[in-house]
PDB file of N, CA and C in Angstrom:
ATOM      1  N   UNK A   1      86.076 353.620 433.068  1.00  0.00           N
ATOM      2  CA  UNK A   1      87.077 352.666 433.330  1.00  0.00           C
ATOM      3  C   UNK A   1      86.872 352.224 434.716  1.00  0.00           C
ATOM      4  N   UNK A   2      87.230 350.839 435.013  1.00  0.00           N
ATOM      5  CA  UNK A   2      86.994 350.339 436.265  1.00  0.00           C
ATOM      6  C   UNK A   2      88.376 350.471 437.118  1.00  0.00           C
ATOM      7  N   UNK A   3      88.277 350.652 438.424  1.00  0.00           N
ATOM      8  CA  UNK A   3      89.482 350.667 439.175  1.00  0.00           C
ATOM      9  C   UNK A   3      90.166 349.282 439.264  1.00  0.00           C
ATOM     10  N   UNK A   4      91.567 349.352 439.220  1.00  0.00           N
ATOM     11  CA  UNK A   4      92.181 348.087 439.203  1.00  0.00           C
ATOM     12  C   UNK A   4      92.079 347.505 440.558  1.00  0.00           C
ATOM     13  N   UNK A   5      91.956 346.122 440.437  1.00  0.00           N
ATOM     14  CA  UNK A   5      91.682 345.200 441.648  1.00  0.00           C
ATOM     15  C   UNK A   5      93.063 344.880 442.230  1.00  0.00           C
ATOM     16  N   UNK A   6      93.538 345.580 443.194  1.00  0.00           N
ATOM     17  CA  UNK A   6      94.897 345.369 443.727  1.00  0.00           C
ATOM     18  C   UNK A   6      95.040 343.995 444.519  1.00  0.00           C
ATOM     19  N   UNK A   7      93.958 343.500 444.867  1.00  0.00           N
ATOM     20  CA  UNK A   7      94.035 342.215 445.737  1.00  0.00           C
ATOM     21  C   UNK A   7      94.360 341.112 444.682  1.00  0.00           C
ATOM     22  N   UNK A   8      93.927 341.150 443.430  1.00  0.00           N
ATOM     23  CA  UNK A   8      94.283 340.177 442.475  1.00  0.00           C
ATOM     24  C   UNK A   8      95.726 340.175 442.154  1.00  0.00           C
ATOM     25  N   UNK A   9      96.308 341.536 442.050  1.00  0.00           N
ATOM     26  CA  UNK A   9      97.657 341.628 441.639  1.00  0.00           C
ATOM     27  C   UNK A   9      98.496 340.982 442.848  1.00  0.00           C
ATOM     28  N   UNK A  10      98.081 341.360 444.107  1.00  0.00           N
ATOM     29  CA  UNK A  10      98.854 340.889 445.230  1.00  0.00           C
ATOM     30  C   UNK A  10      98.872 339.360 445.199  1.00  0.00           C
ATOM     31  N   UNK A  11      97.803 338.689 444.759  1.00  0.00           N
ATOM     32  CA  UNK A  11      97.844 337.321 444.817  1.00  0.00           C
ATOM     33  C   UNK A  11      98.683 336.802 443.696  1.00  0.00           C
ATOM     34  N   UNK A  12      98.710 337.419 442.558  1.00  0.00           N
ATOM     35  CA  UNK A  12      99.685 336.925 441.510  1.00  0.00           C
ATOM     36  C   UNK A  12     101.011 337.125 441.960  1.00  0.00           C
ATOM     37  N   UNK A  13     101.428 338.258 442.606  1.00  0.00           N
ATOM     38  CA  UNK A  13     102.763 338.496 443.086  1.00  0.00           C
ATOM     39  C   UNK A  13     103.210 337.604 444.113  1.00  0.00           C
ATOM     40  N   UNK A  14     102.279 337.300 445.046  1.00  0.00           N
ATOM     41  CA  UNK A  14     102.539 336.255 445.999  1.00  0.00           C
ATOM     42  C   UNK A  14     102.874 334.858 445.459  1.00  0.00           C
ATOM     43  N   UNK A  15     102.109 334.534 444.488  1.00  0.00           N
ATOM     44  CA  UNK A  15     102.205 333.205 443.767  1.00  0.00           C
ATOM     45  C   UNK A  15     103.683 333.146 443.207  1.00  0.00           C
ATOM     46  N   UNK A  16     103.993 334.182 442.408  1.00  0.00           N
ATOM     47  CA  UNK A  16     105.228 334.288 441.733  1.00  0.00           C
ATOM     48  C   UNK A  16     106.443 334.232 442.714  1.00  0.00           C
ATOM     49  N   UNK A  17     106.356 334.932 443.772  1.00  0.00           N
ATOM     50  CA  UNK A  17     107.442 334.879 444.786  1.00  0.00           C
ATOM     51  C   UNK A  17     107.571 333.508 445.360  1.00  0.00           C
ATOM     52  N   UNK A  18     106.302 332.964 445.686  1.00  0.00           N
ATOM     53  CA  UNK A  18     106.416 331.590 446.336  1.00  0.00           C
ATOM     54  C   UNK A  18     107.069 330.564 445.340  1.00  0.00           C
ATOM     55  N   UNK A  19     106.787 330.724 444.164  1.00  0.00           N
ATOM     56  CA  UNK A  19     107.266 329.681 443.183  1.00  0.00           C
ATOM     57  C   UNK A  19     108.865 329.885 443.033  1.00  0.00           C
ATOM     58  N   UNK A  20     109.477 330.927 443.339  1.00  0.00           N
ATOM     59  CA  UNK A  20     110.945 331.128 443.358  1.00  0.00           C
ATOM     60  C   UNK A  20     111.466 330.485 444.605  1.00  0.00           C
ATOM     61  N   UNK A  21     110.680 330.183 445.653  1.00  0.00           N
ATOM     62  CA  UNK A  21     111.187 329.626 446.861  1.00  0.00           C
ATOM     63  C   UNK A  21     111.905 330.666 447.767  1.00  0.00           C
ATOM     64  N   UNK A  22     111.734 331.902 447.455  1.00  0.00           N
ATOM     65  CA  UNK A  22     112.294 333.090 448.072  1.00  0.00           C
ATOM     66  C   UNK A  22     111.317 333.930 448.832  1.00  0.00           C
ATOM     67  N   UNK A  23     110.153 333.356 449.191  1.00  0.00           N
ATOM     68  CA  UNK A  23     109.170 334.164 449.885  1.00  0.00           C
ATOM     69  C   UNK A  23     109.671 334.591 451.209  1.00  0.00           C
ATOM     70  N   UNK A  24     110.574 333.847 452.017  1.00  0.00           N
ATOM     71  CA  UNK A  24     111.007 334.210 453.265  1.00  0.00           C
ATOM     72  C   UNK A  24     111.877 335.459 453.094  1.00  0.00           C
ATOM     73  N   UNK A  25     112.814 335.266 452.209  1.00  0.00           N
ATOM     74  CA  UNK A  25     113.740 336.339 451.953  1.00  0.00           C
ATOM     75  C   UNK A  25     113.020 337.657 451.446  1.00  0.00           C
ATOM     76  N   UNK A  26     112.066 337.601 450.604  1.00  0.00           N
ATOM     77  CA  UNK A  26     111.180 338.650 450.185  1.00  0.00           C
ATOM     78  C   UNK A  26     110.475 339.252 451.409  1.00  0.00           C
ATOM     79  N   UNK A  27     110.024 338.531 452.226  1.00  0.00           N
ATOM     80  CA  UNK A  27     109.210 339.013 453.434  1.00  0.00           C
ATOM     81  C   UNK A  27     110.142 339.735 454.293  1.00  0.00           C
ATOM     82  N   UNK A  28     111.346 339.275 454.519  1.00  0.00           N
ATOM     83  CA  UNK A  28     112.390 339.842 455.362  1.00  0.00           C
ATOM     84  C   UNK A  28     112.816 341.196 454.917  1.00  0.00           C
ATOM     85  N   UNK A  29     112.874 341.336 453.584  1.00  0.00           N
ATOM     86  CA  UNK A  29     113.309 342.526 452.782  1.00  0.00           C
ATOM     87  C   UNK A  29     112.204 343.619 452.913  1.00  0.00           C
ATOM     88  N   UNK A  30     110.943 343.176 452.803  1.00  0.00           N
ATOM     89  CA  UNK A  30     109.782 344.037 452.912  1.00  0.00           C
ATOM     90  C   UNK A  30     109.711 344.588 454.308  1.00  0.00           C
ATOM     91  N   UNK A  31     109.858 343.682 455.248  1.00  0.00           N
ATOM     92  CA  UNK A  31     109.813 343.952 456.697  1.00  0.00           C
ATOM     93  C   UNK A  31     110.783 345.003 457.038  1.00  0.00           C
ATOM     94  N   UNK A  32     112.043 344.931 456.610  1.00  0.00           N
ATOM     95  CA  UNK A  32     113.188 345.809 456.815  1.00  0.00           C
ATOM     96  C   UNK A  32     112.844 347.166 456.271  1.00  0.00           C
ATOM     97  N   UNK A  33     112.334 347.259 454.898  1.00  0.00           N
ATOM     98  CA  UNK A  33     111.976 348.431 454.344  1.00  0.00           C
ATOM     99  C   UNK A  33     110.892 349.118 455.100  1.00  0.00           C
ATOM    100  N   UNK A  34     109.875 348.330 455.501  1.00  0.00           N
ATOM    101  CA  UNK A  34     108.795 348.897 456.212  1.00  0.00           C
ATOM    102  C   UNK A  34     109.052 349.582 457.625  1.00  0.00           C
ATOM    103  N   UNK A  35     110.252 348.963 458.126  1.00  0.00           N
ATOM    104  CA  UNK A  35     110.722 349.332 459.408  1.00  0.00           C
ATOM    105  C   UNK A  35     111.510 350.653 459.228  1.00  0.00           C
ATOM    106  N   UNK A  36     112.434 350.633 458.330  1.00  0.00           N
ATOM    107  CA  UNK A  36     113.500 351.684 458.153  1.00  0.00           C
ATOM    108  C   UNK A  36     113.053 352.763 457.179  1.00  0.00           C
ATOM    109  N   UNK A  37     112.226 352.323 456.164  1.00  0.00           N
ATOM    110  CA  UNK A  37     111.936 353.338 454.954  1.00  0.00           C
ATOM    111  C   UNK A  37     113.114 353.750 454.336  1.00  0.00           C
ATOM    112  N   UNK A  38     114.138 352.943 454.281  1.00  0.00           N
ATOM    113  CA  UNK A  38     115.345 353.336 453.602  1.00  0.00           C
ATOM    114  C   UNK A  38     115.922 352.021 453.116  1.00  0.00           C
ATOM    115  N   UNK A  39     116.044 351.734 451.855  1.00  0.00           N
ATOM    116  CA  UNK A  39     116.581 350.619 451.142  1.00  0.00           C
ATOM    117  C   UNK A  39     117.945 350.409 451.443  1.00  0.00           C
ATOM    118  N   UNK A  40     118.680 351.527 451.676  1.00  0.00           N
ATOM    119  CA  UNK A  40     120.153 351.281 451.965  1.00  0.00           C
ATOM    120  C   UNK A  40     120.464 350.681 453.427  1.00  0.00           C
ATOM    121  N   UNK A  41     119.462 350.701 454.126  1.00  0.00           N
ATOM    122  CA  UNK A  41     119.527 350.134 455.568  1.00  0.00           C
ATOM    123  C   UNK A  41     119.170 348.563 455.394  1.00  0.00           C
ATOM    124  N   UNK A  42     118.734 348.237 454.223  1.00  0.00           N
ATOM    125  CA  UNK A  42     118.320 346.696 454.050  1.00  0.00           C
ATOM    126  C   UNK A  42     119.232 345.983 453.025  1.00  0.00           C
ATOM    127  N   UNK A  43     120.338 346.533 453.036  1.00  0.00           N
ATOM    128  CA  UNK A  43     121.205 345.895 451.919  1.00  0.00           C
ATOM    129  C   UNK A  43     121.450 344.297 452.306  1.00  0.00           C
ATOM    130  N   UNK A  44     121.662 343.966 453.446  1.00  0.00           N
ATOM    131  CA  UNK A  44     121.771 342.557 453.756  1.00  0.00           C
ATOM    132  C   UNK A  44     120.618 341.801 453.331  1.00  0.00           C
ATOM    133  N   UNK A  45     119.452 342.298 453.678  1.00  0.00           N
ATOM    134  CA  UNK A  45     118.285 341.553 453.139  1.00  0.00           C
ATOM    135  C   UNK A  45     118.025 341.386 451.628  1.00  0.00           C
ATOM    136  N   UNK A  46     118.367 342.605 451.008  1.00  0.00           N
ATOM    137  CA  UNK A  46     118.265 342.713 449.696  1.00  0.00           C
ATOM    138  C   UNK A  46     119.343 341.773 448.980  1.00  0.00           C
ATOM    139  N   UNK A  47     120.535 341.616 449.561  1.00  0.00           N
ATOM    140  CA  UNK A  47     121.464 340.653 449.060  1.00  0.00           C
ATOM    141  C   UNK A  47     121.102 339.199 449.177  1.00  0.00           C
ATOM    142  N   UNK A  48     120.404 338.908 450.268  1.00  0.00           N
ATOM    143  CA  UNK A  48     119.982 337.575 450.629  1.00  0.00           C
ATOM    144  C   UNK A  48     118.813 337.113 449.607  1.00  0.00           C
ATOM    145  N   UNK A  49     117.930 338.075 449.333  1.00  0.00           N
ATOM    146  CA  UNK A  49     116.872 337.886 448.186  1.00  0.00           C
ATOM    147  C   UNK A  49     117.482 337.777 446.985  1.00  0.00           C
ATOM    148  N   UNK A  50     118.446 338.543 446.407  1.00  0.00           N
ATOM    149  CA  UNK A  50     119.103 338.346 445.290  1.00  0.00           C
ATOM    150  C   UNK A  50     119.812 337.013 445.085  1.00  0.00           C
ATOM    151  N   UNK A  51     120.448 336.573 446.205  1.00  0.00           N
ATOM    152  CA  UNK A  51     121.125 335.444 446.200  1.00  0.00           C
ATOM    153  C   UNK A  51     120.244 334.228 445.958  1.00  0.00           C
ATOM    154  N   UNK A  52     119.168 334.138 446.568  1.00  0.00           N
ATOM    155  CA  UNK A  52     117.928 333.169 446.531  1.00  0.00           C
ATOM    156  C   UNK A  52     117.523 333.277 445.085  1.00  0.00           C
ATOM    157  N   UNK A  53     117.196 334.285 444.657  1.00  0.00           N
ATOM    158  CA  UNK A  53     116.532 334.500 443.323  1.00  0.00           C
ATOM    159  C   UNK A  53     117.529 333.882 442.240  1.00  0.00           C
ATOM    160  N   UNK A  54     118.783 334.284 442.438  1.00  0.00           N
ATOM    161  CA  UNK A  54     119.898 333.761 441.510  1.00  0.00           C
ATOM    162  C   UNK A  54     119.955 332.222 441.613  1.00  0.00           C
ATOM    163  N   UNK A  55     119.926 331.659 442.770  1.00  0.00           N
ATOM    164  CA  UNK A  55     119.965 330.143 442.890  1.00  0.00           C
ATOM    165  C   UNK A  55     118.732 329.551 442.181  1.00  0.00           C
ATOM    166  N   UNK A  56     117.669 330.199 442.344  1.00  0.00           N
ATOM    167  CA  UNK A  56     116.383 329.647 441.679  1.00  0.00           C
ATOM    168  C   UNK A  56     116.640 329.709 440.061  1.00  0.00           C
ATOM    169  N   UNK A  57     117.049 330.744 439.731  1.00  0.00           N
ATOM    170  CA  UNK A  57     117.131 330.846 438.201  1.00  0.00           C
ATOM    171  C   UNK A  57     118.213 329.907 437.726  1.00  0.00           C
ATOM    172  N   UNK A  58     119.262 329.650 438.600  1.00  0.00           N
ATOM    173  CA  UNK A  58     120.361 328.726 438.184  1.00  0.00           C
ATOM    174  C   UNK A  58     119.694 327.308 438.036  1.00  0.00           C
ATOM    175  N   UNK A  59     118.970 327.057 439.156  1.00  0.00           N
ATOM    176  CA  UNK A  59     118.258 325.688 439.177  1.00  0.00           C
ATOM    177  C   UNK A  59     117.239 325.488 437.964  1.00  0.00           C
ATOM    178  N   UNK A  60     116.599 326.518 437.742  1.00  0.00           N
ATOM    179  CA  UNK A  60     115.677 326.495 436.589  1.00  0.00           C
ATOM    180  C   UNK A  60     116.256 326.209 435.197  1.00  0.00           C
ATOM    181  N   UNK A  61     117.355 326.956 435.013  1.00  0.00           N
ATOM    182  CA  UNK A  61     118.339 326.814 433.783  1.00  0.00           C
ATOM    183  C   UNK A  61     118.840 325.359 433.682  1.00  0.00           C
ATOM    184  N   UNK A  62     119.166 324.806 434.895  1.00  0.00           N
ATOM    185  CA  UNK A  62     119.812 323.420 434.908  1.00  0.00           C
ATOM    186  C   UNK A  62     118.741 322.536 434.566  1.00  0.00           C
ATOM    187  N   UNK A  63     117.466 322.676 434.990  1.00  0.00           N
ATOM    188  CA  UNK A  63     116.576 321.767 434.700  1.00  0.00           C
ATOM    189  C   UNK A  63     116.064 321.788 433.285  1.00  0.00           C
ATOM    190  N   UNK A  64     116.075 323.052 432.708  1.00  0.00           N
ATOM    191  CA  UNK A  64     115.706 323.277 431.317  1.00  0.00           C
ATOM    192  C   UNK A  64     116.834 322.551 430.376  1.00  0.00           C
ATOM    193  N   UNK A  65     118.041 322.659 430.845  1.00  0.00           N
ATOM    194  CA  UNK A  65     119.074 322.050 429.930  1.00  0.00           C
ATOM    195  C   UNK A  65     118.993 320.487 430.019  1.00  0.00           C
ATOM    196  N   UNK A  66     118.558 319.881 431.112  1.00  0.00           N
ATOM    197  CA  UNK A  66     118.396 318.609 431.214  1.00  0.00           C
ATOM    198  C   UNK A  66     117.203 318.044 430.255  1.00  0.00           C
ATOM    199  N   UNK A  67     116.227 318.919 430.180  1.00  0.00           N
ATOM    200  CA  UNK A  67     115.065 318.476 429.362  1.00  0.00           C
ATOM    201  C   UNK A  67     115.507 318.569 427.805  1.00  0.00           C
ATOM    202  N   UNK A  68     116.279 319.606 427.607  1.00  0.00           N
ATOM    203  CA  UNK A  68     116.804 319.513 426.001  1.00  0.00           C
ATOM    204  C   UNK A  68     117.575 318.501 425.660  1.00  0.00           C
ATOM    205  N   UNK A  69     118.474 317.881 426.673  1.00  0.00           N
ATOM    206  CA  UNK A  69     119.455 316.880 426.345  1.00  0.00           C
ATOM    207  C   UNK A  69     118.650 315.594 426.104  1.00  0.00           C
TER     208      UNK A  69
END
């Protein structure tokens, strides 16, 4: 069995995050966790990322509904 190529996975992850429009919020969350090593200390960044993600999903749903109409 071959080892998993993590660089490919990272690229796919980065692409997915960029498509959400939340890459800055994700980066802030990752930086906070890297600095603190405690997710509880990053609640603000986590909430900002969740809010951005939710807005993206709402926009995506709105666009899908327009295409159905």
